[in-house]
């Protein structure tokens, strides 16, 4: 939330990665966005980092609420 520019996000991420894998991590993130965390239909259940993801937490919470409503009407 506090990192609002691409440069700020990059600096924060690189703090947590060994220098030797930064170039690889760049490609991993691109591929992750291309094949797993897509804009129209993210594949959250297949995602290896979903427990760190705000979108997944929000979506799973909504799903739980909807399921409770269905359960209470039966």
N, C-alpha and C. Protein backbone atom coordinates (compact mmCIF):
# COMPACT_ATOMS: atom_id res chain seq x y z
N UNK A 1 0.82 -1.20 0.00
CA UNK A 1 0.00 0.00 0.00
C UNK A 1 0.86 1.25 0.00
N UNK A 2 1.98 1.23 0.68
CA UNK A 2 2.79 2.43 0.76
C UNK A 2 3.68 2.63 -0.46
N UNK A 3 3.81 1.60 -1.29
CA UNK A 3 4.63 1.71 -2.50
C UNK A 3 3.71 1.95 -3.68
N UNK A 4 3.69 3.18 -4.14
CA UNK A 4 2.71 3.56 -5.15
C UNK A 4 3.29 3.75 -6.55
N UNK A 5 4.58 3.60 -6.70
CA UNK A 5 5.19 3.74 -8.02
C UNK A 5 5.94 2.46 -8.36
N UNK A 6 6.13 2.19 -9.64
CA UNK A 6 6.89 1.00 -10.01
C UNK A 6 8.30 0.99 -9.42
N UNK A 7 8.95 2.14 -9.37
CA UNK A 7 10.30 2.20 -8.81
C UNK A 7 10.30 1.85 -7.32
N UNK A 8 9.31 2.35 -6.59
CA UNK A 8 9.23 2.04 -5.15
C UNK A 8 9.00 0.55 -4.92
N UNK A 9 8.15 -0.05 -5.74
CA UNK A 9 7.89 -1.49 -5.63
C UNK A 9 9.15 -2.28 -5.95
N UNK A 10 9.84 -1.87 -7.02
CA UNK A 10 11.08 -2.55 -7.40
C UNK A 10 12.12 -2.49 -6.28
N UNK A 11 12.29 -1.34 -5.69
CA UNK A 11 13.26 -1.19 -4.60
C UNK A 11 12.91 -2.08 -3.42
N UNK A 12 11.63 -2.14 -3.08
CA UNK A 12 11.20 -2.98 -1.96
C UNK A 12 11.42 -4.46 -2.26
N UNK A 13 11.07 -4.88 -3.47
CA UNK A 13 11.27 -6.28 -3.83
C UNK A 13 12.73 -6.67 -3.85
N UNK A 14 13.58 -5.82 -4.41
CA UNK A 14 14.99 -6.18 -4.52
C UNK A 14 15.68 -6.22 -3.16
N UNK A 15 15.12 -5.57 -2.17
CA UNK A 15 15.67 -5.67 -0.81
C UNK A 15 15.59 -7.10 -0.29
N UNK A 16 14.60 -7.84 -0.75
CA UNK A 16 14.32 -9.17 -0.22
C UNK A 16 14.85 -10.30 -1.10
N UNK A 17 15.55 -9.96 -2.17
CA UNK A 17 16.07 -10.98 -3.09
C UNK A 17 17.58 -10.93 -3.15
N UNK A 18 18.22 -12.09 -3.22
CA UNK A 18 19.67 -12.10 -3.43
C UNK A 18 19.99 -11.47 -4.80
N UNK A 19 21.06 -10.73 -4.88
CA UNK A 19 21.42 -10.03 -6.11
C UNK A 19 21.54 -10.97 -7.31
N UNK A 20 21.97 -12.18 -7.08
CA UNK A 20 22.18 -13.12 -8.18
C UNK A 20 20.92 -13.60 -8.87
N UNK A 21 19.75 -13.42 -8.25
CA UNK A 21 18.52 -13.92 -8.89
C UNK A 21 17.57 -12.80 -9.30
N UNK A 22 17.98 -11.57 -9.18
CA UNK A 22 17.07 -10.46 -9.51
C UNK A 22 16.63 -10.51 -10.97
N UNK A 23 17.54 -10.80 -11.88
CA UNK A 23 17.16 -10.87 -13.30
C UNK A 23 16.18 -12.02 -13.54
N UNK A 24 16.39 -13.16 -12.89
CA UNK A 24 15.46 -14.28 -13.02
C UNK A 24 14.11 -13.93 -12.41
N UNK A 25 14.13 -13.29 -11.26
CA UNK A 25 12.89 -12.94 -10.58
C UNK A 25 12.05 -12.00 -11.45
N UNK A 26 12.70 -11.13 -12.18
CA UNK A 26 12.01 -10.24 -13.10
C UNK A 26 11.19 -11.06 -14.10
N UNK A 27 11.80 -12.07 -14.68
CA UNK A 27 11.11 -12.92 -15.64
C UNK A 27 10.03 -13.77 -14.97
N UNK A 28 10.30 -14.24 -13.76
CA UNK A 28 9.28 -15.02 -13.05
C UNK A 28 8.03 -14.18 -12.82
N UNK A 29 8.20 -12.93 -12.45
CA UNK A 29 7.04 -12.07 -12.21
C UNK A 29 6.27 -11.81 -13.49
N UNK A 30 6.98 -11.60 -14.59
CA UNK A 30 6.30 -11.40 -15.87
C UNK A 30 5.49 -12.64 -16.24
N UNK A 31 6.10 -13.81 -16.13
CA UNK A 31 5.41 -15.05 -16.47
C UNK A 31 4.24 -15.32 -15.52
N UNK A 32 4.42 -14.98 -14.26
CA UNK A 32 3.34 -15.14 -13.28
C UNK A 32 2.13 -14.30 -13.69
N UNK A 33 2.37 -13.06 -14.08
CA UNK A 33 1.29 -12.19 -14.52
C UNK A 33 0.68 -12.64 -15.84
N UNK A 34 1.46 -13.23 -16.68
CA UNK A 34 0.97 -13.66 -18.00
C UNK A 34 0.12 -14.93 -17.91
N UNK A 35 0.52 -15.86 -17.05
CA UNK A 35 -0.14 -17.16 -17.06
C UNK A 35 -0.95 -17.50 -15.80
N UNK A 36 -0.67 -16.88 -14.69
CA UNK A 36 -1.38 -17.23 -13.45
C UNK A 36 -2.25 -16.08 -12.96
N UNK A 37 -1.66 -14.94 -12.77
CA UNK A 37 -2.38 -13.79 -12.21
C UNK A 37 -2.83 -12.88 -13.35
N UNK A 38 -3.72 -13.41 -14.18
CA UNK A 38 -4.19 -12.68 -15.35
C UNK A 38 -5.26 -11.67 -14.94
N UNK A 39 -5.43 -10.65 -15.75
CA UNK A 39 -6.36 -9.58 -15.41
C UNK A 39 -7.82 -10.04 -15.41
N UNK A 40 -8.21 -10.78 -16.42
CA UNK A 40 -9.63 -11.14 -16.53
C UNK A 40 -10.03 -12.33 -15.66
N UNK A 41 -9.19 -13.35 -15.61
CA UNK A 41 -9.51 -14.54 -14.83
C UNK A 41 -8.28 -15.06 -14.11
N UNK A 42 -7.92 -14.45 -13.00
CA UNK A 42 -6.74 -14.94 -12.28
C UNK A 42 -6.98 -16.36 -11.77
N UNK A 43 -5.94 -17.16 -11.80
CA UNK A 43 -6.02 -18.55 -11.38
C UNK A 43 -5.52 -18.66 -9.94
N UNK A 44 -6.27 -18.08 -9.05
CA UNK A 44 -5.85 -17.98 -7.65
C UNK A 44 -5.61 -19.35 -7.01
N UNK A 45 -6.43 -20.33 -7.33
CA UNK A 45 -6.28 -21.64 -6.70
C UNK A 45 -5.00 -22.34 -7.13
N UNK A 46 -4.43 -21.94 -8.27
CA UNK A 46 -3.18 -22.52 -8.75
C UNK A 46 -1.96 -21.71 -8.30
N UNK A 47 -2.18 -20.57 -7.73
CA UNK A 47 -1.11 -19.62 -7.43
C UNK A 47 -0.32 -20.04 -6.18
N UNK A 48 0.99 -20.04 -6.32
CA UNK A 48 1.85 -20.41 -5.21
C UNK A 48 2.05 -19.31 -4.18
N UNK A 49 1.64 -18.10 -4.49
CA UNK A 49 1.80 -17.00 -3.54
C UNK A 49 0.46 -16.38 -3.14
N UNK A 50 -0.61 -17.13 -3.30
CA UNK A 50 -1.94 -16.59 -3.03
C UNK A 50 -2.13 -16.17 -1.58
N UNK A 51 -1.43 -16.81 -0.67
CA UNK A 51 -1.60 -16.45 0.74
C UNK A 51 -1.01 -15.09 1.07
N UNK A 52 -0.20 -14.54 0.17
CA UNK A 52 0.37 -13.21 0.34
C UNK A 52 -0.42 -12.15 -0.44
N UNK A 53 -1.43 -12.56 -1.16
CA UNK A 53 -2.12 -11.71 -2.13
C UNK A 53 -3.38 -11.06 -1.55
N UNK A 54 -3.47 -9.75 -1.66
CA UNK A 54 -4.66 -9.03 -1.17
C UNK A 54 -5.89 -9.39 -1.98
N UNK A 55 -5.72 -9.55 -3.29
CA UNK A 55 -6.87 -9.91 -4.14
C UNK A 55 -7.43 -11.27 -3.73
N UNK A 56 -6.57 -12.24 -3.52
CA UNK A 56 -7.03 -13.58 -3.12
C UNK A 56 -7.76 -13.52 -1.78
N UNK A 57 -7.22 -12.78 -0.84
CA UNK A 57 -7.87 -12.67 0.48
C UNK A 57 -9.27 -12.07 0.34
N UNK A 58 -9.38 -11.05 -0.50
CA UNK A 58 -10.67 -10.39 -0.71
C UNK A 58 -11.65 -11.35 -1.39
N UNK A 59 -11.22 -12.01 -2.44
CA UNK A 59 -12.08 -12.92 -3.19
C UNK A 59 -12.49 -14.11 -2.34
N UNK A 60 -11.57 -14.67 -1.58
CA UNK A 60 -11.91 -15.83 -0.76
C UNK A 60 -12.87 -15.44 0.36
N UNK A 61 -12.75 -14.24 0.87
CA UNK A 61 -13.66 -13.75 1.91
C UNK A 61 -15.07 -13.59 1.34
N UNK A 62 -15.18 -13.03 0.14
CA UNK A 62 -16.48 -12.87 -0.52
C UNK A 62 -17.09 -14.24 -0.79
N UNK A 63 -16.27 -15.18 -1.21
CA UNK A 63 -16.74 -16.53 -1.49
C UNK A 63 -17.30 -17.19 -0.23
N UNK A 64 -16.63 -16.99 0.90
CA UNK A 64 -17.10 -17.55 2.17
C UNK A 64 -18.45 -16.95 2.57
N UNK A 65 -18.61 -15.65 2.36
CA UNK A 65 -19.87 -14.98 2.70
C UNK A 65 -21.00 -15.52 1.82
N UNK A 66 -20.73 -15.66 0.53
CA UNK A 66 -21.75 -16.19 -0.38
C UNK A 66 -22.13 -17.61 0.00
N UNK A 67 -21.15 -18.43 0.38
CA UNK A 67 -21.43 -19.81 0.77
C UNK A 67 -22.28 -19.86 2.03
N UNK A 68 -22.02 -18.96 2.98
CA UNK A 68 -22.83 -18.92 4.21
C UNK A 68 -24.28 -18.58 3.88
N UNK A 69 -24.49 -17.66 2.93
CA UNK A 69 -25.84 -17.30 2.54
C UNK A 69 -26.56 -18.48 1.91
N UNK A 70 -25.86 -19.22 1.06
CA UNK A 70 -26.45 -20.40 0.42
C UNK A 70 -26.79 -21.44 1.47
N UNK A 71 -25.87 -21.67 2.41
CA UNK A 71 -26.09 -22.66 3.45
C UNK A 71 -27.28 -22.28 4.34
N UNK A 72 -27.45 -21.01 4.61
CA UNK A 72 -28.52 -20.58 5.52
C UNK A 72 -29.90 -20.64 4.85
N UNK A 73 -29.95 -20.62 3.52
CA UNK A 73 -31.23 -20.70 2.84
C UNK A 73 -31.69 -22.14 2.62
N UNK A 74 -30.81 -23.08 2.86
CA UNK A 74 -31.19 -24.49 2.64
C UNK A 74 -31.76 -25.10 3.87
